[in-house]
């Protein structure tokens, strides 16, 4: 999926309650007890952790 299509998907997901509900049902059926907001937060945290590791002298941070 291109970044443009990914952005389009996210925009649609934010405005389409039925699509959001279907996706959350899929997540639940797969055995996970989280929602899209929690997934977004984890994704953000993981992305930031990867970015911060690349900063100079970051190996000295706790």
PDB file of N, CA and C in Angstrom:
ATOM      1  N   UNK A   1       0.854  -1.163   0.000  1.00  0.00           N
ATOM      2  CA  UNK A   1       0.000   0.000   0.000  1.00  0.00           C
ATOM      3  C   UNK A   1       0.906   1.233   0.000  1.00  0.00           C
ATOM      4  N   UNK A   2       0.617   2.158  -0.857  1.00  0.00           N
ATOM      5  CA  UNK A   2       1.383   3.393  -0.904  1.00  0.00           C
ATOM      6  C   UNK A   2       1.041   4.261   0.298  1.00  0.00           C
ATOM      7  N   UNK A   3       1.925   5.185   0.627  1.00  0.00           N
ATOM      8  CA  UNK A   3       1.648   6.094   1.748  1.00  0.00           C
ATOM      9  C   UNK A   3       0.385   6.904   1.486  1.00  0.00           C
ATOM     10  N   UNK A   4       0.195   7.288   0.241  1.00  0.00           N
ATOM     11  CA  UNK A   4      -1.000   8.065  -0.103  1.00  0.00           C
ATOM     12  C   UNK A   4      -2.261   7.251   0.168  1.00  0.00           C
ATOM     13  N   UNK A   5      -2.260   5.989  -0.223  1.00  0.00           N
ATOM     14  CA  UNK A   5      -3.422   5.119   0.011  1.00  0.00           C
ATOM     15  C   UNK A   5      -3.584   4.835   1.498  1.00  0.00           C
ATOM     16  N   UNK A   6      -2.478   4.715   2.227  1.00  0.00           N
ATOM     17  CA  UNK A   6      -2.556   4.500   3.670  1.00  0.00           C
ATOM     18  C   UNK A   6      -3.199   5.712   4.351  1.00  0.00           C
ATOM     19  N   UNK A   7      -2.804   6.917   3.940  1.00  0.00           N
ATOM     20  CA  UNK A   7      -3.397   8.133   4.499  1.00  0.00           C
ATOM     21  C   UNK A   7      -4.884   8.190   4.173  1.00  0.00           C
ATOM     22  N   UNK A   8      -5.238   7.816   2.954  1.00  0.00           N
ATOM     23  CA  UNK A   8      -6.640   7.804   2.534  1.00  0.00           C
ATOM     24  C   UNK A   8      -7.431   6.814   3.399  1.00  0.00           C
ATOM     25  N   UNK A   9      -6.845   5.652   3.661  1.00  0.00           N
ATOM     26  CA  UNK A   9      -7.494   4.650   4.505  1.00  0.00           C
ATOM     27  C   UNK A   9      -7.733   5.198   5.908  1.00  0.00           C
ATOM     28  N   UNK A  10      -6.724   5.838   6.503  1.00  0.00           N
ATOM     29  CA  UNK A  10      -6.852   6.396   7.851  1.00  0.00           C
ATOM     30  C   UNK A  10      -7.930   7.472   7.886  1.00  0.00           C
ATOM     31  N   UNK A  11      -7.945   8.342   6.873  1.00  0.00           N
ATOM     32  CA  UNK A  11      -8.972   9.384   6.814  1.00  0.00           C
ATOM     33  C   UNK A  11     -10.367   8.770   6.727  1.00  0.00           C
ATOM     34  N   UNK A  12     -10.506   7.722   5.926  1.00  0.00           N
ATOM     35  CA  UNK A  12     -11.793   7.044   5.803  1.00  0.00           C
ATOM     36  C   UNK A  12     -12.168   6.384   7.119  1.00  0.00           C
ATOM     37  N   UNK A  13     -11.199   5.757   7.765  1.00  0.00           N
ATOM     38  CA  UNK A  13     -11.441   5.094   9.036  1.00  0.00           C
ATOM     39  C   UNK A  13     -11.907   6.087  10.096  1.00  0.00           C
ATOM     40  N   UNK A  14     -11.360   7.297  10.069  1.00  0.00           N
ATOM     41  CA  UNK A  14     -11.738   8.316  11.039  1.00  0.00           C
ATOM     42  C   UNK A  14     -13.153   8.838  10.806  1.00  0.00           C
ATOM     43  N   UNK A  15     -13.613   8.791   9.576  1.00  0.00           N
ATOM     44  CA  UNK A  15     -14.924   9.365   9.272  1.00  0.00           C
ATOM     45  C   UNK A  15     -16.025   8.320   9.054  1.00  0.00           C
ATOM     46  N   UNK A  16     -15.654   7.058   8.963  1.00  0.00           N
ATOM     47  CA  UNK A  16     -16.628   6.008   8.671  1.00  0.00           C
ATOM     48  C   UNK A  16     -16.791   5.101   9.894  1.00  0.00           C
ATOM     49  N   UNK A  17     -17.825   5.358  10.677  1.00  0.00           N
ATOM     50  CA  UNK A  17     -18.048   4.606  11.916  1.00  0.00           C
ATOM     51  C   UNK A  17     -18.268   3.121  11.647  1.00  0.00           C
ATOM     52  N   UNK A  18     -18.945   2.786  10.550  1.00  0.00           N
ATOM     53  CA  UNK A  18     -19.212   1.379  10.242  1.00  0.00           C
ATOM     54  C   UNK A  18     -17.910   0.636   9.929  1.00  0.00           C
ATOM     55  N   UNK A  19     -17.024   1.264   9.196  1.00  0.00           N
ATOM     56  CA  UNK A  19     -15.734   0.651   8.878  1.00  0.00           C
ATOM     57  C   UNK A  19     -14.908   0.469  10.147  1.00  0.00           C
ATOM     58  N   UNK A  20     -14.895   1.475  10.996  1.00  0.00           N
ATOM     59  CA  UNK A  20     -14.155   1.402  12.262  1.00  0.00           C
ATOM     60  C   UNK A  20     -14.693   0.248  13.114  1.00  0.00           C
ATOM     61  N   UNK A  21     -15.993   0.112  13.179  1.00  0.00           N
ATOM     62  CA  UNK A  21     -16.611  -0.961  13.959  1.00  0.00           C
ATOM     63  C   UNK A  21     -16.226  -2.329  13.394  1.00  0.00           C
ATOM     64  N   UNK A  22     -16.249  -2.472  12.062  1.00  0.00           N
ATOM     65  CA  UNK A  22     -15.857  -3.737  11.437  1.00  0.00           C
ATOM     66  C   UNK A  22     -14.414  -4.095  11.761  1.00  0.00           C
ATOM     67  N   UNK A  23     -13.542  -3.096  11.725  1.00  0.00           N
ATOM     68  CA  UNK A  23     -12.134  -3.341  12.014  1.00  0.00           C
ATOM     69  C   UNK A  23     -11.949  -3.738  13.479  1.00  0.00           C
ATOM     70  N   UNK A  24     -12.642  -3.064  14.380  1.00  0.00           N
ATOM     71  CA  UNK A  24     -12.542  -3.408  15.797  1.00  0.00           C
ATOM     72  C   UNK A  24     -13.134  -4.793  16.072  1.00  0.00           C
ATOM     73  N   UNK A  25     -14.185  -5.180  15.345  1.00  0.00           N
ATOM     74  CA  UNK A  25     -14.738  -6.535  15.472  1.00  0.00           C
ATOM     75  C   UNK A  25     -13.720  -7.566  14.995  1.00  0.00           C
ATOM     76  N   UNK A  26     -13.035  -7.270  13.901  1.00  0.00           N
ATOM     77  CA  UNK A  26     -11.999  -8.161  13.383  1.00  0.00           C
ATOM     78  C   UNK A  26     -10.894  -8.352  14.426  1.00  0.00           C
ATOM     79  N   UNK A  27     -10.468  -7.265  15.040  1.00  0.00           N
ATOM     80  CA  UNK A  27      -9.428  -7.322  16.077  1.00  0.00           C
ATOM     81  C   UNK A  27      -9.898  -8.201  17.234  1.00  0.00           C
ATOM     82  N   UNK A  28     -11.143  -8.019  17.636  1.00  0.00           N
ATOM     83  CA  UNK A  28     -11.702  -8.796  18.732  1.00  0.00           C
ATOM     84  C   UNK A  28     -11.794 -10.276  18.377  1.00  0.00           C
ATOM     85  N   UNK A  29     -12.272 -10.594  17.183  1.00  0.00           N
ATOM     86  CA  UNK A  29     -12.379 -11.992  16.745  1.00  0.00           C
ATOM     87  C   UNK A  29     -11.008 -12.658  16.664  1.00  0.00           C
ATOM     88  N   UNK A  30      -9.980 -11.875  16.409  1.00  0.00           N
ATOM     89  CA  UNK A  30      -8.617 -12.410  16.338  1.00  0.00           C
ATOM     90  C   UNK A  30      -8.062 -12.678  17.738  1.00  0.00           C
ATOM     91  N   UNK A  31      -8.829 -12.316  18.770  1.00  0.00           N
ATOM     92  CA  UNK A  31      -8.443 -12.634  20.125  1.00  0.00           C
ATOM     93  C   UNK A  31      -7.736 -11.521  20.876  1.00  0.00           C
ATOM     94  N   UNK A  32      -7.778 -10.319  20.339  1.00  0.00           N
ATOM     95  CA  UNK A  32      -7.125  -9.191  20.993  1.00  0.00           C
ATOM     96  C   UNK A  32      -8.165  -8.296  21.657  1.00  0.00           C
ATOM     97  N   UNK A  33      -7.842  -7.807  22.841  1.00  0.00           N
ATOM     98  CA  UNK A  33      -8.786  -6.949  23.556  1.00  0.00           C
ATOM     99  C   UNK A  33      -8.251  -5.523  23.598  1.00  0.00           C
ATOM    100  N   UNK A  34      -8.107  -4.941  22.420  1.00  0.00           N
ATOM    101  CA  UNK A  34      -7.660  -3.554  22.325  1.00  0.00           C
ATOM    102  C   UNK A  34      -8.493  -2.865  21.250  1.00  0.00           C
ATOM    103  N   UNK A  35      -8.466  -1.534  21.296  1.00  0.00           N
ATOM    104  CA  UNK A  35      -9.204  -0.787  20.282  1.00  0.00           C
ATOM    105  C   UNK A  35      -8.220  -0.028  19.397  1.00  0.00           C
ATOM    106  N   UNK A  36      -8.738   0.652  18.417  1.00  0.00           N
ATOM    107  CA  UNK A  36      -7.874   1.348  17.463  1.00  0.00           C
ATOM    108  C   UNK A  36      -7.088   2.479  18.103  1.00  0.00           C
ATOM    109  N   UNK A  37      -7.651   3.137  19.092  1.00  0.00           N
ATOM    110  CA  UNK A  37      -6.931   4.205  19.791  1.00  0.00           C
ATOM    111  C   UNK A  37      -5.711   3.640  20.504  1.00  0.00           C
ATOM    112  N   UNK A  38      -5.877   2.499  21.140  1.00  0.00           N
ATOM    113  CA  UNK A  38      -4.749   1.862  21.827  1.00  0.00           C
ATOM    114  C   UNK A  38      -3.695   1.387  20.834  1.00  0.00           C
ATOM    115  N   UNK A  39      -4.126   0.856  19.722  1.00  0.00           N
ATOM    116  CA  UNK A  39      -3.182   0.424  18.681  1.00  0.00           C
ATOM    117  C   UNK A  39      -2.396   1.614  18.157  1.00  0.00           C
ATOM    118  N   UNK A  40      -3.085   2.721  17.925  1.00  0.00           N
ATOM    119  CA  UNK A  40      -2.408   3.927  17.422  1.00  0.00           C
ATOM    120  C   UNK A  40      -1.372   4.415  18.428  1.00  0.00           C
ATOM    121  N   UNK A  41      -1.697   4.392  19.721  1.00  0.00           N
ATOM    122  CA  UNK A  41      -0.750   4.840  20.744  1.00  0.00           C
ATOM    123  C   UNK A  41       0.483   3.941  20.772  1.00  0.00           C
ATOM    124  N   UNK A  42       0.281   2.636  20.714  1.00  0.00           N
ATOM    125  CA  UNK A  42       1.411   1.708  20.718  1.00  0.00           C
ATOM    126  C   UNK A  42       2.265   1.924  19.476  1.00  0.00           C
ATOM    127  N   UNK A  43       1.637   2.091  18.328  1.00  0.00           N
ATOM    128  CA  UNK A  43       2.387   2.323  17.090  1.00  0.00           C
ATOM    129  C   UNK A  43       3.216   3.596  17.211  1.00  0.00           C
ATOM    130  N   UNK A  44       2.633   4.644  17.769  1.00  0.00           N
ATOM    131  CA  UNK A  44       3.353   5.911  17.954  1.00  0.00           C
ATOM    132  C   UNK A  44       4.539   5.712  18.896  1.00  0.00           C
ATOM    133  N   UNK A  45       4.299   5.032  20.012  1.00  0.00           N
ATOM    134  CA  UNK A  45       5.365   4.795  20.991  1.00  0.00           C
ATOM    135  C   UNK A  45       6.509   3.992  20.373  1.00  0.00           C
ATOM    136  N   UNK A  46       6.186   2.971  19.601  1.00  0.00           N
ATOM    137  CA  UNK A  46       7.225   2.164  18.955  1.00  0.00           C
ATOM    138  C   UNK A  46       8.005   2.979  17.933  1.00  0.00           C
ATOM    139  N   UNK A  47       7.297   3.797  17.160  1.00  0.00           N
ATOM    140  CA  UNK A  47       7.961   4.631  16.167  1.00  0.00           C
ATOM    141  C   UNK A  47       8.912   5.611  16.841  1.00  0.00           C
ATOM    142  N   UNK A  48       8.441   6.242  17.908  1.00  0.00           N
ATOM    143  CA  UNK A  48       9.289   7.209  18.616  1.00  0.00           C
ATOM    144  C   UNK A  48      10.496   6.526  19.245  1.00  0.00           C
ATOM    145  N   UNK A  49      10.323   5.327  19.778  1.00  0.00           N
ATOM    146  CA  UNK A  49      11.441   4.606  20.379  1.00  0.00           C
ATOM    147  C   UNK A  49      12.501   4.320  19.330  1.00  0.00           C
ATOM    148  N   UNK A  50      12.080   3.943  18.130  1.00  0.00           N
ATOM    149  CA  UNK A  50      13.036   3.680  17.051  1.00  0.00           C
ATOM    150  C   UNK A  50      13.742   4.961  16.630  1.00  0.00           C
ATOM    151  N   UNK A  51      13.012   6.068  16.545  1.00  0.00           N
ATOM    152  CA  UNK A  51      13.590   7.351  16.160  1.00  0.00           C
ATOM    153  C   UNK A  51      14.599   7.820  17.202  1.00  0.00           C
ATOM    154  N   UNK A  52      14.225   7.722  18.480  1.00  0.00           N
ATOM    155  CA  UNK A  52      15.093   8.219  19.541  1.00  0.00           C
ATOM    156  C   UNK A  52      16.388   7.424  19.633  1.00  0.00           C
ATOM    157  N   UNK A  53      16.360   6.150  19.264  1.00  0.00           N
ATOM    158  CA  UNK A  53      17.575   5.325  19.279  1.00  0.00           C
ATOM    159  C   UNK A  53      18.609   5.834  18.276  1.00  0.00           C
ATOM    160  N   UNK A  54      18.167   6.562  17.277  1.00  0.00           N
ATOM    161  CA  UNK A  54      19.066   7.041  16.218  1.00  0.00           C
ATOM    162  C   UNK A  54      19.675   8.401  16.533  1.00  0.00           C
ATOM    163  N   UNK A  55      19.244   9.029  17.618  1.00  0.00           N
ATOM    164  CA  UNK A  55      19.788  10.336  17.976  1.00  0.00           C
ATOM    165  C   UNK A  55      21.185  10.185  18.564  1.00  0.00           C
ATOM    166  N   UNK A  56      22.061  11.162  18.338  1.00  0.00           N
ATOM    167  CA  UNK A  56      23.413  11.105  18.902  1.00  0.00           C
ATOM    168  C   UNK A  56      23.388  10.957  20.411  1.00  0.00           C
ATOM    169  N   UNK A  57      24.223  10.096  20.930  1.00  0.00           N
ATOM    170  CA  UNK A  57      24.409   9.843  22.366  1.00  0.00           C
ATOM    171  C   UNK A  57      23.188   9.207  23.019  1.00  0.00           C
ATOM    172  N   UNK A  58      22.242   8.737  22.246  1.00  0.00           N
ATOM    173  CA  UNK A  58      21.030   8.152  22.817  1.00  0.00           C
ATOM    174  C   UNK A  58      21.323   6.865  23.594  1.00  0.00           C
ATOM    175  N   UNK A  59      22.466   6.248  23.338  1.00  0.00           N
ATOM    176  CA  UNK A  59      22.796   5.020  24.077  1.00  0.00           C
ATOM    177  C   UNK A  59      23.005   5.295  25.567  1.00  0.00           C
ATOM    178  N   UNK A  60      23.169   6.566  25.949  1.00  0.00           N
ATOM    179  CA  UNK A  60      23.380   6.934  27.343  1.00  0.00           C
ATOM    180  C   UNK A  60      22.065   7.278  28.049  1.00  0.00           C
ATOM    181  N   UNK A  61      20.962   7.287  27.329  1.00  0.00           N
ATOM    182  CA  UNK A  61      19.671   7.634  27.917  1.00  0.00           C
ATOM    183  C   UNK A  61      19.052   6.423  28.562  1.00  0.00           C
ATOM    184  N   UNK A  62      18.256   6.627  29.589  1.00  0.00           N
ATOM    185  CA  UNK A  62      17.494   5.533  30.217  1.00  0.00           C
ATOM    186  C   UNK A  62      16.105   5.512  29.684  1.00  0.00           C
TER     187      UNK A  62
END
